N, C-alpha and C. Protein backbone atom coordinates (compact mmCIF):
# COMPACT_ATOMS: atom_id res chain seq x y z
N MET A 1 21.09 8.01 -10.98
CA MET A 1 20.65 7.18 -9.95
C MET A 1 19.24 6.63 -10.23
N ILE A 2 18.69 5.37 -10.18
CA ILE A 2 17.69 4.86 -10.74
C ILE A 2 16.81 4.24 -9.43
N ILE A 3 15.40 4.31 -9.56
CA ILE A 3 14.55 3.77 -8.48
C ILE A 3 14.22 2.17 -9.47
N ALA A 4 14.04 1.49 -8.46
CA ALA A 4 13.90 -0.11 -9.47
C ALA A 4 12.87 -0.63 -8.34
N GLU A 5 11.82 -1.76 -8.91
CA GLU A 5 11.43 -2.77 -7.92
C GLU A 5 11.80 -4.03 -8.42
N VAL A 6 11.88 -4.91 -7.81
CA VAL A 6 12.09 -6.05 -8.10
C VAL A 6 11.18 -7.15 -7.51
N SER A 7 10.77 -8.25 -7.87
CA SER A 7 9.78 -9.12 -7.23
C SER A 7 10.63 -10.60 -7.90
N ILE A 8 10.91 -11.29 -6.88
CA ILE A 8 11.83 -12.60 -7.32
C ILE A 8 10.73 -13.62 -6.78
N ILE A 9 10.28 -14.73 -7.57
CA ILE A 9 9.26 -15.86 -7.43
C ILE A 9 10.09 -17.29 -7.42
N PRO A 10 9.98 -17.84 -6.40
CA PRO A 10 10.80 -19.31 -6.70
C PRO A 10 9.57 -20.14 -7.08
N ILE A 11 9.93 -21.04 -8.06
CA ILE A 11 9.29 -21.95 -8.57
C ILE A 11 9.97 -23.53 -8.30
N GLY A 12 9.20 -24.56 -8.10
CA GLY A 12 9.48 -25.80 -7.79
C GLY A 12 10.29 -26.12 -6.46
N THR A 13 9.36 -25.69 -5.88
CA THR A 13 10.23 -25.67 -4.01
C THR A 13 9.60 -26.49 -3.20
N GLY A 14 8.29 -26.88 -3.97
CA GLY A 14 7.45 -28.14 -2.85
C GLY A 14 6.62 -27.72 -1.70
N THR A 15 6.82 -26.22 -1.79
CA THR A 15 5.62 -25.79 -0.41
C THR A 15 5.22 -24.26 -1.22
N PRO A 16 3.89 -23.67 -0.94
CA PRO A 16 3.74 -22.25 -1.11
C PRO A 16 4.28 -21.35 -0.58
N SER A 17 4.72 -21.68 0.67
CA SER A 17 5.63 -20.73 1.43
C SER A 17 6.90 -20.11 0.72
N VAL A 18 7.15 -19.05 0.44
CA VAL A 18 8.32 -18.31 -0.10
C VAL A 18 9.17 -17.63 0.63
N SER A 19 8.72 -17.36 2.22
CA SER A 19 9.47 -16.51 2.74
C SER A 19 10.93 -16.77 3.02
N ARG A 20 11.28 -18.13 3.28
CA ARG A 20 12.78 -18.34 3.15
C ARG A 20 13.73 -18.08 1.91
N TYR A 21 13.04 -18.17 0.96
CA TYR A 21 13.60 -17.61 -0.19
C TYR A 21 13.72 -16.08 -0.37
N VAL A 22 12.81 -15.45 -0.03
CA VAL A 22 12.73 -14.36 -0.08
C VAL A 22 13.96 -13.38 0.90
N ALA A 23 13.71 -14.16 2.37
CA ALA A 23 14.69 -13.96 3.40
C ALA A 23 16.12 -13.94 2.53
N GLY A 24 16.52 -14.92 1.99
CA GLY A 24 17.62 -15.30 1.30
C GLY A 24 18.04 -14.12 0.26
N ALA A 25 17.24 -13.95 -0.35
CA ALA A 25 17.49 -12.61 -1.54
C ALA A 25 17.81 -11.34 -0.81
N ILE A 26 17.21 -10.94 0.46
CA ILE A 26 17.39 -9.63 0.95
C ILE A 26 18.57 -9.94 1.61
N GLU A 27 19.20 -10.98 2.34
CA GLU A 27 20.49 -11.19 3.13
C GLU A 27 21.38 -10.76 1.98
N ALA A 28 21.45 -11.25 0.65
CA ALA A 28 21.96 -10.76 -0.61
C ALA A 28 22.04 -9.39 -0.84
N LEU A 29 20.75 -9.01 -0.62
CA LEU A 29 20.80 -7.45 -1.38
C LEU A 29 21.44 -6.61 -0.01
N ALA A 30 21.47 -6.95 1.30
CA ALA A 30 21.83 -6.33 2.36
C ALA A 30 23.30 -6.25 2.23
N LYS A 31 24.04 -7.02 1.54
CA LYS A 31 25.61 -7.09 1.16
C LYS A 31 25.68 -6.23 0.51
N GLN A 32 24.70 -5.40 -0.38
CA GLN A 32 25.27 -4.28 -1.28
C GLN A 32 25.19 -3.09 -1.01
N LYS A 33 26.37 -2.58 -0.30
CA LYS A 33 26.32 -1.41 0.51
C LYS A 33 25.79 -0.09 -0.69
N LYS A 34 26.10 -0.25 -1.74
CA LYS A 34 25.58 0.85 -2.60
C LYS A 34 24.19 1.22 -2.72
N VAL A 35 23.29 0.23 -2.80
CA VAL A 35 21.99 -0.04 -3.11
C VAL A 35 21.15 0.39 -1.50
N LYS A 36 20.51 1.24 -1.77
CA LYS A 36 19.26 1.50 -0.74
C LYS A 36 18.13 0.70 -1.19
N TYR A 37 17.59 0.05 -0.03
CA TYR A 37 16.44 -0.76 -0.32
C TYR A 37 15.27 -0.80 0.47
N GLN A 38 13.94 -0.89 0.40
CA GLN A 38 12.83 -0.89 1.11
C GLN A 38 12.11 -2.12 0.69
N MET A 39 11.70 -2.97 1.57
CA MET A 39 10.86 -4.39 1.54
C MET A 39 9.63 -3.77 1.53
N THR A 40 8.56 -4.24 0.54
CA THR A 40 7.18 -4.28 0.66
C THR A 40 6.50 -5.74 0.65
N ALA A 41 5.43 -5.63 0.80
CA ALA A 41 4.69 -7.13 0.78
C ALA A 41 4.65 -7.82 -0.61
N MET A 42 4.91 -7.09 -1.44
CA MET A 42 4.68 -7.68 -2.96
C MET A 42 6.26 -7.47 -3.85
N GLY A 43 7.17 -7.11 -3.15
CA GLY A 43 8.19 -6.63 -3.75
C GLY A 43 9.53 -6.11 -3.05
N THR A 44 10.40 -5.19 -3.97
CA THR A 44 11.47 -4.39 -2.94
C THR A 44 11.77 -3.40 -3.86
N ILE A 45 11.81 -2.20 -3.44
CA ILE A 45 12.23 -0.90 -4.12
C ILE A 45 13.66 -0.81 -4.02
N LEU A 46 14.54 -0.65 -4.81
CA LEU A 46 15.90 -0.52 -4.94
C LEU A 46 16.42 0.97 -5.30
N GLU A 47 17.05 1.64 -4.86
CA GLU A 47 17.66 3.32 -5.27
C GLU A 47 18.90 2.84 -5.22
N GLY A 48 19.84 3.51 -6.55
CA GLY A 48 21.16 3.22 -6.56
C GLY A 48 21.53 3.47 -8.03
N GLU A 49 22.61 3.14 -8.34
CA GLU A 49 23.32 3.39 -9.70
C GLU A 49 22.76 2.46 -10.50
N LEU A 50 22.60 2.55 -11.99
CA LEU A 50 22.10 1.68 -12.53
C LEU A 50 22.89 0.13 -12.13
N LYS A 51 24.15 0.13 -12.36
CA LYS A 51 25.36 -0.77 -12.40
C LYS A 51 24.91 -1.61 -10.97
N ASP A 52 24.97 -1.19 -9.66
CA ASP A 52 24.77 -1.64 -8.56
C ASP A 52 23.59 -2.24 -8.49
N VAL A 53 22.70 -1.59 -9.20
CA VAL A 53 21.16 -2.24 -8.68
C VAL A 53 21.18 -3.49 -9.87
N LEU A 54 21.52 -3.55 -10.97
CA LEU A 54 21.95 -4.80 -11.59
C LEU A 54 22.50 -5.95 -10.97
N ASP A 55 23.72 -5.52 -10.48
CA ASP A 55 24.49 -6.41 -9.86
C ASP A 55 23.60 -6.93 -8.32
N ALA A 56 22.87 -6.10 -7.58
CA ALA A 56 22.42 -6.50 -6.59
C ALA A 56 21.04 -7.53 -7.23
N VAL A 57 20.46 -7.24 -8.07
CA VAL A 57 19.35 -8.24 -8.56
C VAL A 57 19.85 -9.57 -9.16
N THR A 58 21.26 -9.34 -9.41
CA THR A 58 21.84 -10.76 -10.18
C THR A 58 21.94 -11.77 -8.53
N ARG A 59 22.67 -11.00 -7.64
CA ARG A 59 22.89 -11.75 -6.29
C ARG A 59 21.68 -11.98 -5.48
N MET A 60 20.52 -11.42 -5.68
CA MET A 60 19.26 -11.82 -5.16
C MET A 60 18.70 -13.03 -6.00
N HIS A 61 18.86 -12.90 -7.39
CA HIS A 61 18.22 -14.11 -7.91
C HIS A 61 18.56 -15.36 -7.66
N GLU A 62 20.18 -15.42 -7.74
CA GLU A 62 21.20 -16.52 -7.65
C GLU A 62 20.99 -16.87 -6.03
N SER A 63 20.72 -16.13 -5.03
CA SER A 63 20.47 -16.39 -4.00
C SER A 63 19.18 -17.63 -3.59
N VAL A 64 18.10 -17.26 -4.72
CA VAL A 64 17.36 -18.11 -4.38
C VAL A 64 17.74 -19.47 -5.03
N PHE A 65 18.15 -19.53 -6.11
CA PHE A 65 18.67 -20.89 -6.59
C PHE A 65 19.68 -21.59 -5.42
N ASP A 66 20.38 -20.77 -4.93
CA ASP A 66 21.15 -21.55 -3.65
C ASP A 66 20.45 -21.91 -2.43
N ARG A 67 19.32 -21.40 -2.27
CA ARG A 67 18.22 -21.90 -1.25
C ARG A 67 17.64 -23.21 -1.68
N GLY A 68 17.87 -23.56 -2.81
CA GLY A 68 17.23 -24.81 -3.58
C GLY A 68 15.93 -24.77 -4.29
N ALA A 69 15.57 -23.83 -4.87
CA ALA A 69 14.82 -23.44 -6.00
C ALA A 69 15.20 -24.02 -7.28
N GLU A 70 14.19 -24.48 -7.71
CA GLU A 70 14.83 -25.29 -9.13
C GLU A 70 14.46 -24.49 -10.36
N ARG A 71 13.35 -23.17 -10.03
CA ARG A 71 13.10 -22.28 -11.25
C ARG A 71 12.92 -21.18 -10.45
N VAL A 72 13.33 -20.08 -11.10
CA VAL A 72 13.31 -18.66 -10.43
C VAL A 72 12.62 -17.53 -11.36
N VAL A 73 11.74 -16.89 -11.35
CA VAL A 73 11.16 -15.81 -12.24
C VAL A 73 11.33 -14.39 -11.37
N THR A 74 12.06 -13.75 -11.83
CA THR A 74 12.28 -12.40 -11.52
C THR A 74 11.70 -11.40 -12.52
N LYS A 75 11.12 -10.26 -11.52
CA LYS A 75 10.59 -9.50 -12.30
C LYS A 75 11.35 -8.24 -11.98
N LEU A 76 11.61 -7.50 -13.00
CA LEU A 76 12.40 -5.91 -12.76
C LEU A 76 11.63 -4.67 -13.42
N THR A 77 11.50 -3.86 -12.68
CA THR A 77 11.18 -2.43 -13.46
C THR A 77 11.97 -1.49 -13.01
N ILE A 78 12.43 -0.49 -13.85
CA ILE A 78 13.45 0.46 -13.83
C ILE A 78 12.98 1.90 -14.14
N ASP A 79 12.75 2.68 -13.05
CA ASP A 79 12.75 4.22 -13.32
C ASP A 79 14.02 4.92 -13.53
N ASP A 80 14.28 5.21 -14.91
CA ASP A 80 15.48 6.10 -14.74
C ASP A 80 15.35 7.40 -15.23
N ARG A 81 15.34 8.33 -14.69
CA ARG A 81 15.10 9.73 -14.86
C ARG A 81 16.35 10.61 -14.84
N ARG A 82 16.54 11.22 -16.13
CA ARG A 82 17.85 11.98 -16.12
C ARG A 82 17.62 13.28 -15.66
N ASP A 83 16.52 13.62 -15.97
CA ASP A 83 16.32 15.12 -15.61
C ASP A 83 16.29 15.93 -14.17
N LYS A 84 16.15 14.82 -13.22
CA LYS A 84 16.18 14.99 -11.76
C LYS A 84 16.91 13.93 -11.20
N ASN A 85 17.03 14.36 -9.97
CA ASN A 85 18.00 13.09 -9.39
C ASN A 85 16.79 12.53 -8.35
N LEU A 86 16.09 11.47 -8.61
CA LEU A 86 14.98 10.29 -8.10
C LEU A 86 15.55 9.78 -6.98
N THR A 87 14.75 9.98 -5.89
CA THR A 87 15.25 8.66 -4.79
C THR A 87 13.89 8.43 -4.09
N ILE A 88 13.78 7.18 -3.31
CA ILE A 88 12.44 6.83 -2.84
C ILE A 88 11.86 7.48 -2.17
N ASP A 89 12.39 8.49 -1.17
CA ASP A 89 11.83 9.27 -0.60
C ASP A 89 10.97 10.45 -1.32
N TYR A 90 11.88 10.94 -2.40
CA TYR A 90 11.23 11.98 -3.09
C TYR A 90 9.91 11.65 -3.67
N LYS A 91 9.80 10.35 -4.31
CA LYS A 91 9.12 10.24 -5.26
C LYS A 91 7.81 9.81 -4.19
N VAL A 92 7.77 9.27 -3.02
CA VAL A 92 6.85 9.31 -2.12
C VAL A 92 6.27 10.45 -1.57
N GLN A 93 6.99 11.42 -0.89
CA GLN A 93 6.95 12.94 -0.93
C GLN A 93 5.91 13.47 -1.89
N SER A 94 6.62 13.53 -3.04
CA SER A 94 5.74 14.11 -4.00
C SER A 94 4.41 13.80 -4.11
N VAL A 95 4.19 12.56 -3.90
CA VAL A 95 2.46 12.23 -4.07
C VAL A 95 1.95 12.61 -2.63
N MET A 96 2.44 12.60 -1.58
CA MET A 96 1.96 12.89 -0.50
C MET A 96 1.83 14.58 -0.40
N ASN A 97 2.68 15.29 -1.00
CA ASN A 97 2.27 16.76 -1.30
C ASN A 97 0.92 17.11 -1.90
N LYS A 98 0.82 16.34 -3.02
CA LYS A 98 -0.38 16.47 -3.89
C LYS A 98 -1.40 15.73 -3.26
N LEU A 99 -1.54 15.09 -2.20
CA LEU A 99 -2.47 14.35 -1.35
C LEU A 99 -3.05 15.81 -0.51
N GLY A 100 -2.14 16.47 -0.28
CA GLY A 100 -2.53 17.47 0.86
C GLY A 100 -1.95 17.19 2.58
């Protein structure tokens, strides 16, 4: 299982607002039942098997074109730790435990 963060940036939309494109990407992601996700103000955290996450990111990326963007920049960071089973909740809890 991996944890990933994706940020999708539509370019060439004619407006500074990107929320409708983000909504389309989240709709595409929500259809991927094997990938858990958590949307944040600056990106989306994903949890799942590598192939499922990559498939979900591809669908998110394409959904922005489907909504009319002329160019899309997608940033993807993958945390693939093989000695422990990572989850979004585990990573957050680990830091919270250290904060007391």
